[in-house]
Protein backbone atom coordinates (compact mmCIF):
# COMPACT_ATOMS: atom_id res chain seq x y z
CA UNK A 1 54.52 16.96 5.43
CA UNK A 2 53.34 20.50 6.25
CA UNK A 3 55.16 23.40 4.60
CA UNK A 4 55.13 26.72 6.40
CA UNK A 5 55.06 29.72 4.13
CA UNK A 6 57.46 32.21 5.66
CA UNK A 7 58.73 35.43 4.13
CA UNK A 8 62.51 35.08 3.68
CA UNK A 9 64.58 38.14 4.36
CA UNK A 10 68.23 38.92 4.47
CA UNK A 11 69.79 41.03 7.18
CA UNK A 12 70.56 43.81 4.73
CA UNK A 13 67.20 43.70 3.00
CA UNK A 14 65.44 43.75 6.34
CA UNK A 15 67.42 46.84 7.32
CA UNK A 16 65.87 48.56 4.34
CA UNK A 17 62.35 47.26 4.86
CA UNK A 18 61.64 46.98 8.57
CA UNK A 19 61.99 50.04 10.79
CA UNK A 20 60.86 49.22 14.31
CA UNK A 21 61.27 52.84 15.34
CA UNK A 22 58.28 53.73 13.17
CA UNK A 23 56.10 51.66 15.49
CA UNK A 24 57.24 53.75 18.44
CA UNK A 25 56.67 57.03 16.62
CA UNK A 26 53.19 55.88 15.65
CA UNK A 27 52.48 54.88 19.24
CA UNK A 28 53.64 58.29 20.48
CA UNK A 29 51.39 60.00 17.93
CA UNK A 30 48.40 57.96 19.11
CA UNK A 31 49.09 58.90 22.74
CA UNK A 32 49.40 62.56 21.75
CA UNK A 33 45.98 62.51 20.07
CA UNK A 34 44.51 60.73 23.08
CA UNK A 35 46.02 63.26 25.49
CA UNK A 36 44.49 66.14 23.55
CA UNK A 37 40.98 64.68 23.50
CA UNK A 38 41.04 63.72 27.18
CA UNK A 39 42.10 67.29 27.99
CA UNK A 40 39.09 68.55 25.99
CA UNK A 41 36.72 66.15 27.76
CA UNK A 42 38.03 67.31 31.15
CA UNK A 43 36.87 70.85 30.36
CA UNK A 44 40.20 72.15 28.99
CA UNK A 45 41.75 72.81 32.43
CA UNK A 46 44.93 74.77 33.05
CA UNK A 47 47.81 73.72 35.27
CA UNK A 48 49.66 76.86 36.30
CA UNK A 49 53.15 76.26 37.65
CA UNK A 50 55.87 78.65 38.79
CA UNK A 51 59.40 78.47 37.51
CA UNK A 52 62.17 81.02 38.21
CA UNK A 53 59.59 83.57 39.28
CA UNK A 54 57.44 83.17 36.18
CA UNK A 55 54.12 81.39 35.85
CA UNK A 56 53.00 79.39 32.86
CA UNK A 57 50.44 76.76 31.92
CA UNK A 58 52.15 73.37 31.89
CA UNK A 59 49.39 71.92 29.71
CA UNK A 60 50.09 74.22 26.75
CA UNK A 61 51.96 71.45 24.86
CA UNK A 62 48.85 69.26 25.09
CA UNK A 63 46.43 71.64 23.41
CA UNK A 64 48.66 74.02 21.46
CA UNK A 65 51.63 71.77 20.78
CA UNK A 66 52.56 69.88 17.63
CA UNK A 67 49.63 67.71 16.61
CA UNK A 68 49.72 63.92 16.66
CA UNK A 69 47.34 63.83 13.68
CA UNK A 70 49.85 65.78 11.58
CA UNK A 71 52.49 63.25 12.56
CA UNK A 72 50.19 60.49 11.31
CA UNK A 73 49.95 62.31 7.96
CA UNK A 74 53.73 62.45 7.58
CA UNK A 75 54.02 58.82 8.67
CA UNK A 76 51.48 57.81 6.03
CA UNK A 77 53.61 59.34 3.30
CA UNK A 78 56.70 57.64 4.71
CA UNK A 79 55.14 54.17 5.06
CA UNK A 80 53.38 54.09 1.69
CA UNK A 81 56.46 55.31 -0.15
CA UNK A 82 58.97 53.22 1.81
CA UNK A 83 58.74 50.07 -0.38
CA UNK A 84 59.40 52.18 -3.48
CA UNK A 85 62.13 54.25 -1.83
CA UNK A 86 63.96 51.17 -0.55
CA UNK A 87 63.47 49.12 -3.72
CA UNK A 88 62.51 51.47 -6.53
CA UNK A 89 63.12 48.93 -9.29
CA UNK A 90 60.47 46.51 -8.06
CA UNK A 91 57.25 46.46 -10.14
CA UNK A 92 54.34 48.22 -8.48
CA UNK A 93 50.79 46.96 -9.06
CA UNK A 94 48.09 49.49 -8.21
CA UNK A 95 45.44 46.77 -7.96
CA UNK A 96 47.45 44.89 -5.35
CA UNK A 97 48.07 48.20 -3.58
CA UNK A 98 44.33 49.00 -3.54
CA UNK A 99 43.42 45.55 -2.26
CA UNK A 100 45.96 45.81 0.56
CA UNK A 101 44.77 49.28 1.56
CA UNK A 102 41.16 48.15 1.65
CA UNK A 103 41.98 45.08 3.73
CA UNK A 104 44.26 47.03 6.04
CA UNK A 105 41.97 49.99 6.72
CA UNK A 106 38.29 49.24 6.18
CA UNK A 107 37.47 46.21 8.39
CA UNK A 108 38.72 47.85 11.59
CA UNK A 109 37.29 51.22 10.55
CA UNK A 110 33.83 49.79 9.90
CA UNK A 111 33.98 47.95 13.22
CA UNK A 112 34.92 51.24 14.90
CA UNK A 113 31.87 52.94 13.38
CA UNK A 114 29.67 50.19 14.82
CA UNK A 115 31.49 50.54 18.15
CA UNK A 116 30.89 54.30 18.27
CA UNK A 117 27.19 53.88 17.43
CA UNK A 118 26.45 50.91 19.69
CA UNK A 119 28.62 51.78 22.70
CA UNK A 120 26.23 54.41 24.14
CA UNK A 121 23.28 52.04 23.63
CA UNK A 122 25.06 49.30 25.56
CA UNK A 123 26.15 51.70 28.30
CA UNK A 124 22.61 53.05 28.77
CA UNK A 125 21.24 49.51 28.99
CA UNK A 126 23.89 48.55 31.56
CA UNK A 127 23.37 51.73 33.60
CA UNK A 128 19.63 51.17 33.80
CA UNK A 129 20.16 47.57 34.89
CA UNK A 130 22.14 48.71 37.93
CA UNK A 131 19.68 51.48 38.78
CA UNK A 132 21.41 54.52 37.30
CA UNK A 133 19.52 57.11 35.33
CA UNK A 134 20.74 57.27 31.75
CA UNK A 135 19.37 58.68 28.53
CA UNK A 136 19.87 57.31 25.04
CA UNK A 137 22.01 59.38 22.69
CA UNK A 138 20.64 60.31 19.24
CA UNK A 139 21.35 57.59 16.67
CA UNK A 140 23.35 58.90 13.66
CA UNK A 141 21.25 59.46 10.57
CA UNK A 142 21.47 57.25 7.50
CA UNK A 143 23.28 60.08 5.69
CA UNK A 144 25.88 60.22 8.46
CA UNK A 145 26.44 56.48 8.27
CA UNK A 146 26.63 56.39 4.46
CA UNK A 147 29.15 59.23 4.21
CA UNK A 148 31.31 57.64 6.89
CA UNK A 149 31.16 54.23 5.27
CA UNK A 150 32.26 55.75 1.95
CA UNK A 151 34.89 57.95 3.67
CA UNK A 152 33.34 61.07 2.13
CA UNK A 153 32.15 62.60 5.41
CA UNK A 154 34.84 65.30 5.40
CA UNK A 155 33.36 66.76 2.21
CA UNK A 156 30.24 68.01 4.01
CA UNK A 157 29.80 70.45 6.87
CA UNK A 158 27.12 68.40 8.60
CA UNK A 159 28.98 65.07 8.55
CA UNK A 160 32.70 65.73 9.01
CA UNK A 161 32.49 65.03 12.76
CA UNK A 162 29.06 63.41 12.90
CA UNK A 163 29.84 60.01 14.42
CA UNK A 164 33.25 60.49 16.03
CA UNK A 165 35.21 63.68 15.68
CA UNK A 166 38.55 61.91 15.22
CA UNK A 167 37.27 60.18 12.07
CA UNK A 168 37.87 63.32 9.99
CA UNK A 169 41.44 62.17 9.50
CA UNK A 170 40.18 58.89 8.01
CA UNK A 171 38.55 60.82 5.17
CA UNK A 172 41.82 62.64 4.56
CA UNK A 173 43.81 59.39 4.63
CA UNK A 174 41.39 57.86 2.10
CA UNK A 175 42.08 60.74 -0.27
CA UNK A 176 45.81 60.23 0.16
CA UNK A 177 45.44 56.56 -0.69
CA UNK A 178 43.31 57.33 -3.75
CA UNK A 179 45.82 59.75 -5.31
CA UNK A 180 48.97 57.87 -4.31
CA UNK A 181 49.08 55.85 -7.58
CA UNK A 182 49.31 59.16 -9.44
CA UNK A 183 52.29 60.09 -7.28
CA UNK A 184 53.89 56.75 -8.09
CA UNK A 185 53.51 57.44 -11.82
CA UNK A 186 54.98 60.89 -11.36
CA UNK A 187 57.82 59.47 -9.27
CA UNK A 188 58.71 56.92 -11.94
CA UNK A 189 59.13 59.71 -14.46
CA UNK A 190 60.25 62.78 -12.53
CA UNK A 191 61.74 61.28 -9.32
CA UNK A 192 62.42 63.88 -6.62
CA UNK A 193 60.73 66.59 -8.67
CA UNK A 194 57.42 64.74 -8.24
CA UNK A 195 57.67 64.94 -4.44
CA UNK A 196 58.69 68.59 -4.49
CA UNK A 197 55.91 69.33 -6.95
CA UNK A 198 53.28 67.73 -4.72
CA UNK A 199 54.43 69.81 -1.76
CA UNK A 200 54.52 73.02 -3.80
CA UNK A 201 51.08 72.34 -5.28
CA UNK A 202 49.69 71.84 -1.78
CA UNK A 203 51.21 75.10 -0.58
CA UNK A 204 49.82 77.05 -3.54
CA UNK A 205 46.41 75.48 -3.03
CA UNK A 206 46.33 76.52 0.63
CA UNK A 207 47.44 80.06 -0.18
CA UNK A 208 44.82 80.39 -2.92
CA UNK A 209 42.10 78.97 -0.66
CA UNK A 210 43.05 81.35 2.16
CA UNK A 211 42.84 84.36 -0.15
CA UNK A 212 39.57 83.26 -1.74
CA UNK A 213 37.92 82.33 1.59
CA UNK A 214 39.32 85.19 3.64
CA UNK A 215 35.90 86.35 4.88
CA UNK A 216 34.26 82.92 4.91
CA UNK A 217 33.23 80.78 7.87
CA UNK A 218 36.36 79.33 9.53
CA UNK A 219 34.82 75.86 9.30
CA UNK A 220 34.85 76.12 5.51
CA UNK A 221 38.55 76.91 5.63
CA UNK A 222 39.18 73.94 7.88
CA UNK A 223 37.30 71.57 5.59
CA UNK A 224 39.33 72.81 2.63
CA UNK A 225 42.54 72.31 4.60
CA UNK A 226 41.75 68.64 5.31
CA UNK A 227 41.58 67.65 1.66
CA UNK A 228 44.51 65.82 0.08
CA UNK A 229 45.58 69.01 -1.69
CA UNK A 230 45.45 70.89 1.58
CA UNK A 231 47.72 68.44 3.40
CA UNK A 232 49.77 67.04 0.54
CA UNK A 233 52.75 68.97 1.91
CA UNK A 234 52.77 66.68 4.94
CA UNK A 235 52.37 63.55 2.88
CA UNK A 236 55.19 64.71 0.58
CA UNK A 237 57.39 65.42 3.62
CA UNK A 238 56.97 61.79 4.66
CA UNK A 239 57.85 60.59 1.16
CA UNK A 240 60.97 62.77 1.12
CA UNK A 241 61.98 61.41 4.54
CA UNK A 242 61.56 57.82 3.31
CA UNK A 243 63.73 58.56 0.29
CA UNK A 244 66.46 60.10 2.42
CA UNK A 245 66.43 57.31 5.03
CA UNK A 246 66.61 54.58 2.38
CA UNK A 247 69.67 56.27 0.90
CA UNK A 248 71.28 56.66 4.31
CA UNK A 249 70.74 52.98 5.22
CA UNK A 250 72.30 51.83 1.95
CA UNK A 251 75.56 53.55 2.80
CA UNK A 252 78.18 51.53 4.60
CA UNK A 253 79.12 54.51 6.74
CA UNK A 254 76.71 55.59 9.49
CA UNK A 255 75.18 59.01 9.14
CA UNK A 256 77.58 61.66 10.40
CA UNK A 257 77.03 62.98 13.90
CA UNK A 258 76.96 66.57 12.66
CA UNK A 259 74.31 65.78 10.05
CA UNK A 260 72.22 63.73 12.47
CA UNK A 261 72.45 66.39 15.16
CA UNK A 262 71.54 69.09 12.66
CA UNK A 263 68.39 67.22 11.62
CA UNK A 264 67.38 66.61 15.22
CA UNK A 265 67.95 70.27 16.12
CA UNK A 266 66.13 71.53 13.04
CA UNK A 267 63.12 69.32 13.71
CA UNK A 268 62.98 70.59 17.29
CA UNK A 269 63.12 74.23 16.19
CA UNK A 270 60.37 73.73 13.63
CA UNK A 271 58.12 71.81 16.02
CA UNK A 272 58.57 74.37 18.79
CA UNK A 273 57.95 77.09 16.22
CA UNK A 274 54.56 75.54 15.52
CA UNK A 275 53.54 76.20 19.13
CA UNK A 276 52.80 79.87 18.70
CA UNK A 277 50.93 81.97 16.19
CA UNK A 278 53.59 84.65 16.48
CA UNK A 279 55.73 82.61 14.11
CA UNK A 280 53.05 82.94 11.42
CA UNK A 281 54.25 86.02 9.53
CA UNK A 282 51.39 85.86 7.04
CA UNK A 283 47.72 85.08 7.40
CA UNK A 284 47.53 83.28 4.06
CA UNK A 285 50.53 80.97 4.36
CA UNK A 286 49.80 77.73 6.28
CA UNK A 287 52.84 78.18 8.50
CA UNK A 288 51.81 75.74 11.20
CA UNK A 289 51.06 72.86 8.81
CA UNK A 290 54.22 73.61 6.84
CA UNK A 291 56.36 73.72 9.98
CA UNK A 292 54.88 70.46 11.23
CA UNK A 293 55.48 68.82 7.85
CA UNK A 294 59.14 69.84 7.77
CA UNK A 295 59.68 69.24 11.48
CA UNK A 296 58.16 65.78 11.51
CA UNK A 297 59.92 64.86 8.26
CA UNK A 298 63.28 65.82 9.74
CA UNK A 299 62.37 64.01 12.95
CA UNK A 300 61.76 60.76 11.05
CA UNK A 301 65.09 61.19 9.28
CA UNK A 302 66.88 61.83 12.58
CA UNK A 303 65.29 58.92 14.46
CA UNK A 304 65.74 56.38 11.65
CA UNK A 305 69.38 57.34 11.11
CA UNK A 306 70.31 57.81 14.76
CA UNK A 307 73.09 55.76 16.41
CA UNK A 308 71.88 52.44 17.80
CA UNK A 309 72.19 53.49 21.43
CA UNK A 310 69.92 56.47 20.80
CA UNK A 311 67.32 54.23 19.19
CA UNK A 312 66.85 52.13 22.32
CA UNK A 313 63.74 54.07 23.52
CA UNK A 314 62.23 53.57 20.05
CA UNK A 315 63.07 49.88 19.64
CA UNK A 316 62.44 48.51 23.13
CA UNK A 317 59.85 48.95 25.82
CA UNK A 318 56.12 49.64 25.52
CA UNK A 319 56.12 52.12 22.63
CA UNK A 320 56.74 49.60 19.81
CA UNK A 321 53.95 47.41 21.19
CA UNK A 322 51.61 50.37 21.37
CA UNK A 323 52.58 51.30 17.83
CA UNK A 324 51.42 47.94 16.53
CA UNK A 325 47.92 48.48 17.94
CA UNK A 326 47.92 52.26 17.40
CA UNK A 327 45.40 52.13 14.56
CA UNK A 328 42.86 50.32 16.73
CA UNK A 329 43.76 52.62 19.64
CA UNK A 330 43.09 55.65 17.47
CA UNK A 331 39.80 54.29 16.12
CA UNK A 332 38.18 53.60 19.49
CA UNK A 333 39.90 56.07 21.81
CA UNK A 334 37.53 59.03 21.46
CA UNK A 335 34.16 57.46 22.35
CA UNK A 336 35.85 55.34 25.02
CA UNK A 337 37.53 58.33 26.63
CA UNK A 338 34.39 60.46 26.40
CA UNK A 339 32.16 58.07 28.35
CA UNK A 340 34.87 57.35 30.89
CA UNK A 341 35.35 61.06 31.52
CA UNK A 342 31.58 61.50 31.84
CA UNK A 343 31.54 58.68 34.39
CA UNK A 344 34.27 60.36 36.42
CA UNK A 345 32.38 63.66 36.37
CA UNK A 346 28.74 62.62 36.81
CA UNK A 347 29.06 59.60 39.10
CA UNK A 348 32.23 60.33 41.03
CA UNK A 349 31.98 64.12 41.03
CA UNK A 350 35.54 64.53 39.74
CA UNK A 351 36.31 67.42 37.39
CA UNK A 352 39.17 69.63 36.24
CA UNK A 353 42.73 68.49 36.87
CA UNK A 354 41.77 65.43 39.00
CA UNK A 355 39.47 64.30 36.20
CA UNK A 356 42.29 64.83 33.71
CA UNK A 357 44.64 62.78 35.90
CA UNK A 358 42.13 59.93 35.98
CA UNK A 359 41.78 60.12 32.21
CA UNK A 360 45.54 59.93 31.74
CA UNK A 361 45.92 56.94 34.09
CA UNK A 362 42.79 54.80 34.50
CA UNK A 363 41.39 55.96 31.17
CA UNK A 364 44.58 55.10 29.31
CA UNK A 365 44.71 51.60 30.79
CA UNK A 366 41.08 50.86 29.93
CA UNK A 367 41.46 52.26 26.41
CA UNK A 368 44.58 50.15 25.87
CA UNK A 369 42.77 46.99 26.99
CA UNK A 370 39.83 47.62 24.67
CA UNK A 371 42.02 48.61 21.72
CA UNK A 372 44.21 45.53 22.19
CA UNK A 373 41.14 43.29 21.96
CA UNK A 374 39.86 45.33 19.04
CA UNK A 375 43.20 44.86 17.25
CA UNK A 376 43.14 41.08 17.68
CA UNK A 377 39.55 40.72 16.47
CA UNK A 378 39.14 43.33 13.74
CA UNK A 379 42.62 44.33 12.59
CA UNK A 380 45.19 41.56 12.95
CA UNK A 381 43.26 38.91 10.93
CA UNK A 382 43.44 41.16 7.86
CA UNK A 383 47.19 41.81 7.99
CA UNK A 384 49.21 40.08 5.31
CA UNK A 385 52.86 39.88 4.35
CA UNK A 386 53.82 42.58 1.92
CA UNK A 387 56.15 42.38 -1.09
CA UNK A 388 57.91 39.10 -0.11
CA UNK A 389 61.54 39.08 -1.13
CA UNK A 390 62.43 36.34 -3.60
CA UNK A 391 66.03 35.72 -2.65
CA UNK A 392 66.85 31.96 -2.71
CA UNK A 393 69.97 32.40 -0.59
CA UNK A 394 68.24 34.54 2.01
CA UNK A 395 68.50 33.59 5.65
CA UNK A 396 65.04 32.84 7.00
CA UNK A 397 63.98 34.78 10.06
CA UNK A 398 60.59 33.33 11.10
CA UNK A 399 60.10 35.84 13.88
CA UNK A 400 60.12 38.83 11.56
CA UNK A 401 56.90 40.77 11.40
CA UNK A 402 55.58 41.83 8.03
CA UNK A 403 55.88 45.42 7.01
CA UNK A 404 52.15 45.47 6.38
CA UNK A 405 51.60 45.22 10.12
CA UNK A 406 53.12 48.64 10.70
CA UNK A 407 51.93 50.49 7.61
């Protein structure tokens, strides 16, 4: 007789552990990052439209709007803290946590480094076989490869964007993961004060860095801002959102319409406020990052506590599916989009807005196909069930996906 090992869950426990809407939000964040990079590769075009006698650039939200990477930071805080927020009494083993993070992140990341390095070599070989002229790109140095493999590339000016520019966020995520056990210890003792303290410490660090580096190279300021202390406010916002959502889902009454509407409105105001520098009343306060942290945190609260009929776009359709492969999509999107956009420009003679349109249509489809295969080969085999519930009377739902698959 063969016994299948399936994670048992109860309806109520699953409500507190599995949030499908997070998949959709993650998928939207991945598309937002992709849209920004494709716009860059198309030469940063403008699309001027007229409305009520006024003209404006319709592509402003793509390049100056709320950042998808910042949303990933808030989501990281939410997802890592969610098991503790929804079941704070359960023992937490940092060694198990570290093993799961390594298995979840590194295999696909290392494969993506190889993809970014080998893709241009393969494309040049293919182009020459069909008679096109193509030149080999410089191979990353050993120092570049070593710093990326150890996730320390964001600590150095010459390596932070050496292989693929989007990988800078991987270095930041690695720092988050490394210090998260300290936050867990602080949470066990100080509870909400630990989350507020992390956010306040991050804010003070950014203010101090801005004052100290006022006349320094802007790149130095950027590299300081993408350390865990520089972005802890966003991570803490995600943790606070997870804590609030877990409390809301435990209540028998649904979240009040006034409260839900207030959170949705507040998140919108803060995210729109991050569009323009005119909202930054001080040059030393990181207003944009702080607004995005609060706005995205409130957005997660609003979406996860919204009425069921409002959650339909987040629980059905293509976004949840994209969210499940969003990590692979993020890892391979930049080199894939770059060479596609170069193909459109150099071989087809398409540039500007038509090139951008091709990137958003044909480019998206091709990137999705590649990232889906990448997910199946390099990401999915390393996903494991997380924190199985040991409830003998639980109703078994074999079709449930593990939380690890969306964290």
